[in-house]
Protein backbone atom coordinates (compact mmCIF):
# COMPACT_ATOMS: atom_id res chain seq x y z
CA MET A 1 62.00 35.86 82.29
CA ASN A 2 58.87 37.82 81.42
CA GLU A 3 55.98 38.48 83.82
CA PHE A 4 53.78 35.80 82.26
CA MET A 5 56.42 33.12 82.74
CA LYS A 6 57.05 34.22 86.34
CA ALA A 7 53.34 34.06 87.14
CA GLN A 8 52.92 30.67 85.46
CA LYS A 9 55.96 29.28 87.29
CA LYS A 10 54.56 30.51 90.60
CA CYS A 11 51.18 28.91 89.85
CA ILE A 12 52.84 25.58 88.99
CA GLU A 13 54.92 25.73 92.17
CA ARG A 14 51.83 26.48 94.29
CA ASP A 15 49.81 23.69 92.69
CA LYS A 16 52.74 21.26 93.05
CA TRP A 17 53.09 22.16 96.72
CA LEU A 18 49.35 21.64 97.31
CA GLU A 19 49.47 18.27 95.56
CA GLY A 20 52.53 17.31 97.60
CA CYS A 21 50.66 18.12 100.82
CA LYS A 22 47.71 16.06 99.63
CA ILE A 23 49.77 12.97 98.77
CA GLU A 24 52.37 13.59 101.48
CA SER A 25 55.18 13.29 98.96
CA ASP A 26 56.88 15.32 96.24
CA PRO A 27 54.83 14.81 93.07
CA GLY A 28 58.00 15.36 91.04
CA VAL A 29 58.67 16.49 87.49
CA GLU A 30 55.81 14.40 86.14
CA PHE A 31 53.36 16.69 87.96
CA ILE A 32 54.90 19.71 86.23
CA MET A 33 54.69 18.08 82.81
CA ASP A 34 51.05 17.09 83.45
CA TRP A 35 50.27 20.61 84.67
CA ILE A 36 51.68 22.11 81.49
CA ALA A 37 49.79 19.65 79.28
CA ASN A 38 46.49 20.19 81.11
CA ASN A 39 46.60 23.81 82.28
CA ALA A 40 49.04 25.94 80.26
CA GLU A 41 46.58 26.92 77.53
CA LYS A 42 43.87 27.95 80.02
CA PHE A 43 46.45 29.82 82.11
CA ARG A 44 47.53 31.82 79.02
CA GLU A 45 43.92 32.66 78.14
CA SER A 46 43.23 33.77 81.71
CA TRP A 47 46.47 35.79 81.81
CA ASP A 48 45.52 37.63 78.63
CA ILE A 49 42.24 38.89 80.14
CA SER A 50 43.57 39.51 83.65
CA LEU A 51 44.78 42.78 85.13
CA CYS A 52 47.96 40.98 86.12
CA LYS A 53 49.64 41.36 82.74
CA ASN A 54 49.70 45.15 83.22
CA CYS A 55 50.30 45.24 86.97
CA LEU A 56 53.44 46.24 88.80
CA SER A 57 52.61 43.67 91.50
CA SER A 58 52.29 40.70 89.13
CA THR A 59 55.39 38.98 90.51
CA VAL A 60 53.70 38.83 93.92
CA CYS A 61 50.18 37.66 93.04
CA GLY A 62 50.00 37.47 89.24
CA PHE A 63 49.36 33.74 89.36
CA GLU A 64 45.89 34.55 90.75
CA LEU A 65 44.88 35.98 87.34
CA LYS A 66 42.47 38.58 88.68
CA GLN A 67 40.16 40.62 86.51
CA ASP A 68 39.33 42.91 89.43
CA CYS A 69 41.97 43.62 92.06
CA ILE A 70 42.38 46.15 94.87
CA LYS A 71 46.18 45.66 94.73
CA TYR A 72 46.39 46.65 91.05
CA ILE A 73 49.16 49.12 90.28
CA ALA A 74 49.44 49.96 86.58
CA LEU A 75 52.81 49.56 84.93
CA THR A 76 54.33 52.82 83.86
CA LYS A 77 56.32 52.66 80.65
């Protein structure tokens, strides 16, 4: 799984957890499908301009899609 997919998955999981806390129940698979339909395109656009896509720490906080980050550690390839 590439870094983008890991970050997107983490973002979906965080948003699903927050929604579950709000409604005091598991929002289920429908929440995930709605998230993808309503947020995936914007997430991709934000990922493309974020530092996260080139950061060694992206698996930890890449779902935050930062353009300025004190934790940024450039990937070395």
